[in-house]
């Protein structure tokens, strides 16, 4: 792996995501976060204001939608709202701007419902992750002897300049965490000192944004990354009301042992799939037979490539004789078959005048407390190392 030191005290090398260290009270963590990368927070604000504007929302409506999320956030965890206040203060933006970054899924795709109108969204409901691919390799198949967790994040191309790696030092009530996320956001995917790891992929169903407000996905993921073990991480998802569909791959790695599961969540139900032959892959369509029968997927006609992306990664890793190593995983996630609609997404036009691309490829060895992230992997797969 290509590695370089990453620090927030020096100008980051452009091809890598900056590392931001935070500790202390929720507000103090937020202030440190915002002060470290104000230009990246501002970039995220500009991106999502523009995206909402292209959906016909003016600044007053955007502000109103963000304010409508404040009681939802506070009811779920008041400390998360305090952290957002700190981020806003540190970055020199409004609290509503930071809420918009953390609740962009709900605001981008559920705005018609949030405005309490009968008008359906202008596009099929879709989650915030674009066309992602995630995977687990259990220790029995891993060349390292430890659980391997990896992910391609496909989203707006602009996020290559708004992404960060956030290292959160727990205050005693929560473990330390290392998470790749957008500047201003509380979490995306990563792992903690208990070896619990998480990645998320978008899913759609006909129940999305139709059953009232739920927990914003960013907050749910942050709570999962605070879990003491895999069981607690799973309970966190079962206990939370969900606003829209999403897939979360959860795992826990402890030394040379580990286990994982894929939870496909709709607003009303949770379906699970387990690794087969010590391998689990998930793209952007429902895999549980029960879910396929019970739910209608309005997003699949927009991204049918999910079907072959899933198959190609499973095949690429499944046919390896012997144990799977990181070069195998990197090669599977770099597959460009069907370009630009491959496992590795090369930049292409997307809805509302945006550009879709694989923003980052992330590899996680949670037992060893190390993460490698490649920025703009469609140009060069140079992986930066970050440790917890």
Protein backbone atom coordinates (compact mmCIF):
# COMPACT_ATOMS: atom_id res chain seq x y z
CA UNK A 1 0.00 0.00 0.00
CA UNK A 2 1.12 3.55 -0.68
CA UNK A 3 1.22 5.42 2.63
CA UNK A 4 2.00 8.94 3.72
CA UNK A 5 1.57 10.79 6.95
CA UNK A 6 -1.71 12.67 7.10
CA UNK A 7 -2.16 15.55 9.51
CA UNK A 8 -4.46 18.50 9.89
CA UNK A 9 -1.57 20.72 10.99
CA UNK A 10 -0.10 20.98 7.50
CA UNK A 11 -1.62 21.60 4.09
CA UNK A 12 -2.82 18.18 2.88
CA UNK A 13 -1.33 16.68 -0.23
CA UNK A 14 -4.06 17.32 -2.84
CA UNK A 15 -4.48 13.68 -3.82
CA UNK A 16 -5.35 12.59 -0.28
CA UNK A 17 -8.16 13.34 2.14
CA UNK A 18 -7.06 15.35 5.21
CA UNK A 19 -7.11 13.76 8.64
CA UNK A 20 -8.99 15.73 11.30
CA UNK A 21 -8.46 14.90 14.99
CA UNK A 22 -11.17 15.88 17.48
CA UNK A 23 -11.64 15.27 21.20
CA UNK A 24 -13.35 16.67 24.28
CA UNK A 25 -16.99 17.65 24.69
CA UNK A 26 -19.37 17.39 21.74
CA UNK A 27 -19.24 21.16 21.18
CA UNK A 28 -15.45 21.22 21.44
CA UNK A 29 -15.14 18.35 18.96
CA UNK A 30 -17.35 20.25 16.55
CA UNK A 31 -15.34 23.46 16.84
CA UNK A 32 -12.10 21.55 16.17
CA UNK A 33 -13.71 19.85 13.18
CA UNK A 34 -14.97 23.09 11.65
CA UNK A 35 -11.77 25.02 12.24
CA UNK A 36 -9.62 22.29 10.69
CA UNK A 37 -11.40 22.21 7.33
CA UNK A 38 -13.59 25.33 6.91
CA UNK A 39 -13.06 25.41 3.15
CA UNK A 40 -14.28 21.82 2.82
CA UNK A 41 -17.35 22.49 4.95
CA UNK A 42 -18.07 25.53 2.78
CA UNK A 43 -17.66 23.35 -0.32
CA UNK A 44 -20.25 20.91 0.99
CA UNK A 45 -22.65 23.73 1.80
CA UNK A 46 -22.29 25.12 -1.73
CA UNK A 47 -22.76 21.67 -3.28
CA UNK A 48 -26.01 20.84 -1.49
CA UNK A 49 -27.45 24.33 -1.75
CA UNK A 50 -26.95 24.06 -5.50
CA UNK A 51 -28.44 20.56 -5.61
CA UNK A 52 -31.51 21.68 -3.67
CA UNK A 53 -31.77 24.80 -5.80
CA UNK A 54 -31.89 22.67 -8.95
CA UNK A 55 -34.87 20.91 -7.40
CA UNK A 56 -36.67 24.24 -7.22
CA UNK A 57 -36.05 25.07 -3.55
CA UNK A 58 -35.15 28.66 -2.70
CA UNK A 59 -32.90 29.66 0.21
CA UNK A 60 -35.83 30.31 2.55
CA UNK A 61 -37.26 26.84 1.91
CA UNK A 62 -33.87 25.20 2.37
CA UNK A 63 -33.46 26.98 5.69
CA UNK A 64 -36.98 25.96 6.73
CA UNK A 65 -36.29 22.30 5.88
CA UNK A 66 -33.05 22.35 7.87
CA UNK A 67 -34.82 23.92 10.85
CA UNK A 68 -37.49 21.23 10.69
CA UNK A 69 -34.74 18.66 11.31
CA UNK A 70 -33.50 20.32 14.53
CA UNK A 71 -36.08 18.74 16.87
CA UNK A 72 -35.57 15.36 15.17
CA UNK A 73 -31.82 15.53 15.79
CA UNK A 74 -32.21 16.76 19.36
CA UNK A 75 -34.73 14.05 20.21
CA UNK A 76 -32.39 11.35 18.91
CA UNK A 77 -29.25 12.66 20.62
CA UNK A 78 -28.87 16.22 21.88
CA UNK A 79 -25.08 15.84 21.91
CA UNK A 80 -25.11 15.40 18.12
CA UNK A 81 -26.85 18.75 17.77
CA UNK A 82 -24.23 20.32 20.05
CA UNK A 83 -21.48 18.88 17.89
CA UNK A 84 -23.14 20.39 14.83
CA UNK A 85 -23.33 23.77 16.56
CA UNK A 86 -19.60 23.50 17.19
CA UNK A 87 -18.89 22.62 13.56
CA UNK A 88 -20.89 25.64 12.41
CA UNK A 89 -19.01 27.91 14.83
CA UNK A 90 -15.62 26.52 13.85
CA UNK A 91 -16.26 26.68 10.10
CA UNK A 92 -18.00 30.05 10.14
CA UNK A 93 -21.26 28.81 8.64
CA UNK A 94 -24.82 28.65 9.96
CA UNK A 95 -26.19 25.76 12.00
CA UNK A 96 -28.74 25.19 9.23
CA UNK A 97 -25.88 24.72 6.76
CA UNK A 98 -24.33 21.99 8.92
CA UNK A 99 -27.73 20.34 9.40
CA UNK A 100 -28.14 20.35 5.62
CA UNK A 101 -24.86 18.42 5.20
CA UNK A 102 -25.85 15.90 7.86
CA UNK A 103 -29.44 15.54 6.62
CA UNK A 104 -28.84 15.87 2.91
CA UNK A 105 -30.43 12.51 2.10
CA UNK A 106 -33.64 13.51 3.82
CA UNK A 107 -33.58 17.00 2.31
CA UNK A 108 -32.54 16.04 -1.24
CA UNK A 109 -34.91 13.13 -1.70
CA UNK A 110 -37.65 13.65 0.87
CA UNK A 111 -38.18 17.37 0.42
CA UNK A 112 -41.69 17.05 -1.04
CA UNK A 113 -42.82 15.07 1.99
CA UNK A 114 -41.02 17.42 4.37
CA UNK A 115 -42.86 20.36 2.79
CA UNK A 116 -46.07 18.41 3.57
CA UNK A 117 -47.33 18.62 0.01
CA UNK A 118 -49.01 15.99 -2.06
CA UNK A 119 -46.44 16.46 -4.81
CA UNK A 120 -44.14 13.43 -5.16
CA UNK A 121 -40.39 14.00 -5.52
CA UNK A 122 -39.25 15.04 -8.99
CA UNK A 123 -37.21 11.83 -9.27
CA UNK A 124 -37.59 8.29 -7.96
CA UNK A 125 -36.67 8.26 -4.27
CA UNK A 126 -33.02 7.44 -3.89
CA UNK A 127 -30.68 7.26 -0.97
CA UNK A 128 -27.59 9.35 -0.45
CA UNK A 129 -24.88 6.97 -1.46
CA UNK A 130 -25.38 6.80 -5.21
CA UNK A 131 -24.20 3.52 -6.70
CA UNK A 132 -21.89 1.99 -4.09
CA UNK A 133 -20.40 -1.47 -3.65
CA UNK A 134 -19.36 -2.90 -0.27
CA UNK A 135 -17.85 -6.20 0.82
CA UNK A 136 -16.59 -8.31 3.69
CA UNK A 137 -14.02 -11.10 3.70
CA UNK A 138 -14.10 -13.13 6.91
CA UNK A 139 -10.84 -14.26 8.56
CA UNK A 140 -11.11 -17.84 7.25
CA UNK A 141 -10.72 -16.56 3.66
CA UNK A 142 -8.45 -13.61 4.42
CA UNK A 143 -4.72 -13.77 3.63
CA UNK A 144 -4.09 -11.53 6.65
CA UNK A 145 -6.05 -13.85 8.93
CA UNK A 146 -8.16 -10.82 9.93
CA UNK A 147 -11.55 -9.59 8.77
CA UNK A 148 -11.42 -7.33 5.69
CA UNK A 149 -14.07 -4.66 5.10
CA UNK A 150 -14.06 -2.51 1.94
CA UNK A 151 -16.25 -0.07 0.02
CA UNK A 152 -16.55 2.08 -3.10
CA UNK A 153 -18.41 5.33 -2.41
CA UNK A 154 -20.09 6.57 -5.60
CA UNK A 155 -21.61 10.01 -5.31
CA UNK A 156 -21.12 13.60 -6.47
CA UNK A 157 -17.72 14.20 -8.04
CA UNK A 158 -17.33 17.45 -6.06
CA UNK A 159 -16.99 15.41 -2.87
CA UNK A 160 -13.40 14.52 -3.79
CA UNK A 161 -12.71 18.00 -2.36
CA UNK A 162 -15.10 17.87 0.60
CA UNK A 163 -14.21 14.44 2.02
CA UNK A 164 -12.14 14.01 5.20
CA UNK A 165 -11.08 11.25 7.56
CA UNK A 166 -12.33 12.10 11.03
CA UNK A 167 -10.58 10.62 14.09
CA UNK A 168 -12.82 11.01 17.13
CA UNK A 169 -11.40 10.46 20.60
CA UNK A 170 -14.14 9.14 22.87
CA UNK A 171 -14.90 10.86 26.13
CA UNK A 172 -15.18 7.67 28.15
CA UNK A 173 -18.79 6.90 27.26
CA UNK A 174 -17.97 5.98 23.67
CA UNK A 175 -15.03 4.30 21.93
CA UNK A 176 -12.57 6.11 19.69
CA UNK A 177 -13.66 6.14 16.04
CA UNK A 178 -12.07 6.55 12.62
CA UNK A 179 -14.55 7.48 9.92
CA UNK A 180 -14.36 8.61 6.33
CA UNK A 181 -17.02 11.28 5.88
CA UNK A 182 -17.89 14.61 4.35
CA UNK A 183 -16.54 17.71 6.07
CA UNK A 184 -19.22 18.90 8.47
CA UNK A 185 -20.85 15.45 8.79
CA UNK A 186 -20.69 13.31 11.92
CA UNK A 187 -19.92 9.98 10.19
CA UNK A 188 -20.17 7.94 7.01
CA UNK A 189 -18.31 4.64 7.23
CA UNK A 190 -15.45 3.47 9.41
CA UNK A 191 -14.65 1.54 12.58
CA UNK A 192 -14.05 1.96 16.30
CA UNK A 193 -11.64 0.67 18.94
CA UNK A 194 -13.99 -2.23 19.69
CA UNK A 195 -13.42 -3.51 16.14
CA UNK A 196 -16.97 -2.64 15.04
CA UNK A 197 -17.00 -1.51 11.39
CA UNK A 198 -19.67 -0.12 9.08
CA UNK A 199 -20.25 0.70 5.42
CA UNK A 200 -23.51 1.76 3.78
CA UNK A 201 -25.08 1.41 0.33
CA UNK A 202 -28.22 3.01 -1.02
CA UNK A 203 -31.45 1.10 -1.55
CA UNK A 204 -34.91 2.24 -2.58
CA UNK A 205 -38.41 1.02 -1.88
CA UNK A 206 -41.93 2.34 -2.35
CA UNK A 207 -42.17 3.14 1.39
CA UNK A 208 -39.39 5.74 1.27
CA UNK A 209 -40.26 9.17 2.71
CA UNK A 210 -43.89 8.17 3.17
CA UNK A 211 -44.07 7.24 6.86
CA UNK A 212 -42.99 10.44 8.56
CA UNK A 213 -39.63 11.58 9.85
CA UNK A 214 -37.08 9.07 11.06
CA UNK A 215 -33.47 9.16 12.20
CA UNK A 216 -31.22 10.86 9.62
CA UNK A 217 -28.87 8.24 8.18
CA UNK A 218 -25.72 10.11 9.17
CA UNK A 219 -26.79 10.11 12.82
CA UNK A 220 -27.73 6.44 12.72
CA UNK A 221 -24.33 5.54 11.34
CA UNK A 222 -22.58 7.61 13.99
CA UNK A 223 -24.53 5.77 16.68
CA UNK A 224 -23.58 2.41 15.14
CA UNK A 225 -19.91 3.43 15.24
CA UNK A 226 -20.27 4.04 18.98
CA UNK A 227 -21.32 0.42 19.60
CA UNK A 228 -19.51 -1.83 22.04
CA UNK A 229 -19.95 -4.88 19.83
CA UNK A 230 -21.73 -6.23 16.76
CA UNK A 231 -24.89 -7.10 18.68
CA UNK A 232 -25.23 -3.56 20.01
CA UNK A 233 -24.65 -2.15 16.52
CA UNK A 234 -27.46 -4.32 15.18
CA UNK A 235 -29.77 -3.36 18.05
CA UNK A 236 -29.12 0.30 17.27
CA UNK A 237 -30.56 -0.14 13.79
CA UNK A 238 -33.54 -2.19 14.96
CA UNK A 239 -34.34 0.41 17.63
CA UNK A 240 -34.32 3.39 15.28
CA UNK A 241 -37.22 4.61 13.18
CA UNK A 242 -36.02 4.93 9.59
CA UNK A 243 -37.01 7.54 7.05
CA UNK A 244 -35.90 5.67 3.93
CA UNK A 245 -34.35 2.42 2.75
CA UNK A 246 -30.64 1.74 3.16
CA UNK A 247 -28.22 -1.16 3.33
CA UNK A 248 -25.64 -1.33 6.08
CA UNK A 249 -22.84 -3.89 6.23
CA UNK A 250 -21.83 -4.35 9.86
CA UNK A 251 -18.92 -6.35 11.22
CA UNK A 252 -16.76 -6.83 14.26
CA UNK A 253 -13.12 -7.87 14.11
CA UNK A 254 -11.24 -9.09 17.16
CA UNK A 255 -7.73 -10.32 16.49
CA UNK A 256 -7.97 -13.30 14.13
CA UNK A 257 -11.71 -13.68 14.63
CA UNK A 258 -14.64 -11.75 13.26
CA UNK A 259 -18.19 -11.84 11.95
CA UNK A 260 -20.42 -9.66 9.82
CA UNK A 261 -23.90 -9.20 8.43
CA UNK A 262 -25.74 -7.15 5.83
CA UNK A 263 -28.88 -5.41 7.07
CA UNK A 264 -31.26 -4.21 4.37
CA UNK A 265 -33.57 -1.68 5.97
CA UNK A 266 -36.84 -0.21 4.78
CA UNK A 267 -38.83 2.31 6.83
CA UNK A 268 -40.91 -0.56 8.16
CA UNK A 269 -38.74 -3.68 8.21
CA UNK A 270 -35.21 -5.07 8.36
CA UNK A 271 -33.98 -7.98 6.25
CA UNK A 272 -30.63 -9.66 6.69
CA UNK A 273 -28.15 -11.67 4.67
CA UNK A 274 -25.07 -13.45 5.98
CA UNK A 275 -21.70 -14.19 4.37
CA UNK A 276 -21.53 -17.27 2.15
CA UNK A 277 -18.21 -19.08 1.89
CA UNK A 278 -16.84 -16.39 4.22
CA UNK A 279 -17.64 -13.64 1.67
CA UNK A 280 -20.34 -10.97 1.59
CA UNK A 281 -20.91 -8.44 -1.22
CA UNK A 282 -23.68 -5.86 -1.56
CA UNK A 283 -24.40 -3.34 -4.30
CA UNK A 284 -27.67 -1.37 -4.62
CA UNK A 285 -30.54 -3.81 -4.97
CA UNK A 286 -32.34 -5.96 -2.43
CA UNK A 287 -30.69 -9.34 -1.87
CA UNK A 288 -32.86 -10.91 0.82
CA UNK A 289 -35.46 -13.17 -0.86
CA UNK A 290 -38.11 -11.89 1.56
CA UNK A 291 -37.37 -8.28 0.66
CA UNK A 292 -37.46 -9.01 -3.08
CA UNK A 293 -40.93 -10.53 -2.68
CA UNK A 294 -42.36 -7.91 -0.30
CA UNK A 295 -40.96 -4.61 -1.59
CA UNK A 296 -41.09 -2.74 -4.87
CA UNK A 297 -37.74 -1.20 -5.86
CA UNK A 298 -38.37 2.01 -7.88
CA UNK A 299 -34.65 2.79 -8.07
CA UNK A 300 -33.47 -0.34 -9.85
CA UNK A 301 -34.63 0.80 -13.33
CA UNK A 302 -32.39 3.85 -12.80
CA UNK A 303 -29.33 1.75 -11.90
CA UNK A 304 -29.67 -1.79 -13.28
CA UNK A 305 -25.87 -2.00 -13.30
CA UNK A 306 -26.17 -2.88 -9.61
CA UNK A 307 -27.08 -6.42 -10.66
CA UNK A 308 -23.90 -7.11 -12.60
CA UNK A 309 -21.69 -5.09 -10.21
CA UNK A 310 -22.80 -7.41 -7.44
CA UNK A 311 -22.14 -10.49 -9.56
CA UNK A 312 -18.75 -9.38 -10.85
CA UNK A 313 -17.32 -8.61 -7.42
CA UNK A 314 -18.66 -11.89 -6.01
CA UNK A 315 -17.15 -13.79 -8.93
CA UNK A 316 -13.83 -11.96 -8.85
CA UNK A 317 -13.30 -12.80 -5.19
CA UNK A 318 -15.06 -16.17 -5.17
CA UNK A 319 -12.87 -17.73 -7.86
CA UNK A 320 -9.62 -16.88 -6.10
CA UNK A 321 -7.87 -20.07 -5.08
CA UNK A 322 -6.63 -19.92 -1.55
CA UNK A 323 -6.93 -16.83 0.57
CA UNK A 324 -8.02 -13.36 -0.51
CA UNK A 325 -5.52 -10.53 -0.04
CA UNK A 326 -5.89 -6.75 -0.29
CA UNK A 327 -4.63 -6.62 -3.91
CA UNK A 328 -7.50 -8.94 -4.83
CA UNK A 329 -10.01 -6.67 -3.10
CA UNK A 330 -8.56 -3.56 -4.72
CA UNK A 331 -8.73 -5.19 -8.16
CA UNK A 332 -12.37 -6.25 -7.65
CA UNK A 333 -13.36 -2.72 -6.64
CA UNK A 334 -11.44 -1.28 -9.61
CA UNK A 335 -13.43 -3.29 -12.17
CA UNK A 336 -14.46 -0.96 -15.03
CA UNK A 337 -16.63 -3.38 -16.99
CA UNK A 338 -19.58 -1.43 -18.41
CA UNK A 339 -17.66 1.85 -18.12
CA UNK A 340 -18.74 4.39 -16.94
CA UNK A 341 -21.30 2.20 -15.15
CA UNK A 342 -18.84 -0.18 -13.56
CA UNK A 343 -17.94 -1.21 -10.06
CA UNK A 344 -15.46 1.64 -10.38
CA UNK A 345 -17.55 4.61 -11.49
CA UNK A 346 -15.76 6.93 -13.91
CA UNK A 347 -17.27 10.45 -14.03
CA UNK A 348 -20.55 10.66 -15.93
CA UNK A 349 -23.53 13.03 -16.05
CA UNK A 350 -26.14 12.39 -13.37
CA UNK A 351 -29.45 13.90 -12.34
CA UNK A 352 -29.92 17.63 -11.74
CA UNK A 353 -26.81 18.68 -13.70
CA UNK A 354 -24.42 16.81 -11.41
CA UNK A 355 -21.54 14.46 -12.12
CA UNK A 356 -21.45 10.97 -10.60
CA UNK A 357 -18.16 9.21 -9.82
CA UNK A 358 -16.45 6.89 -7.37
CA UNK A 359 -15.31 9.51 -4.88
CA UNK A 360 -13.27 7.12 -2.75
CA UNK A 361 -12.32 3.48 -2.26
CA UNK A 362 -11.92 2.56 1.41
CA UNK A 363 -10.24 -0.54 2.85
CA UNK A 364 -10.52 -1.31 6.56
CA UNK A 365 -8.59 -3.67 8.84
CA UNK A 366 -10.50 -2.90 12.03
CA UNK A 367 -8.65 -5.50 14.12
CA UNK A 368 -5.40 -3.68 13.31
CA UNK A 369 -7.09 -0.27 13.60
CA UNK A 370 -6.02 0.87 10.16
CA UNK A 371 -7.86 2.28 7.15
CA UNK A 372 -6.62 3.02 3.63
CA UNK A 373 -8.49 5.47 1.39
CA UNK A 374 -7.91 6.26 -2.29
CA UNK A 375 -9.22 9.61 -3.54
CA UNK A 376 -10.48 9.73 -7.17
CA UNK A 377 -9.64 6.04 -7.74
CA UNK A 378 -10.77 6.34 -11.36
CA UNK A 379 -7.61 8.41 -11.96
CA UNK A 380 -5.06 6.72 -9.69
CA UNK A 381 -5.42 4.18 -6.92
CA UNK A 382 -2.99 5.69 -4.43
CA UNK A 383 -4.04 4.62 -0.97
CA UNK A 384 -3.34 6.80 2.04
CA UNK A 385 -3.05 5.11 5.42
CA UNK A 386 -4.89 6.35 8.51
CA UNK A 387 -4.70 4.72 11.93
CA UNK A 388 -6.72 4.78 15.12
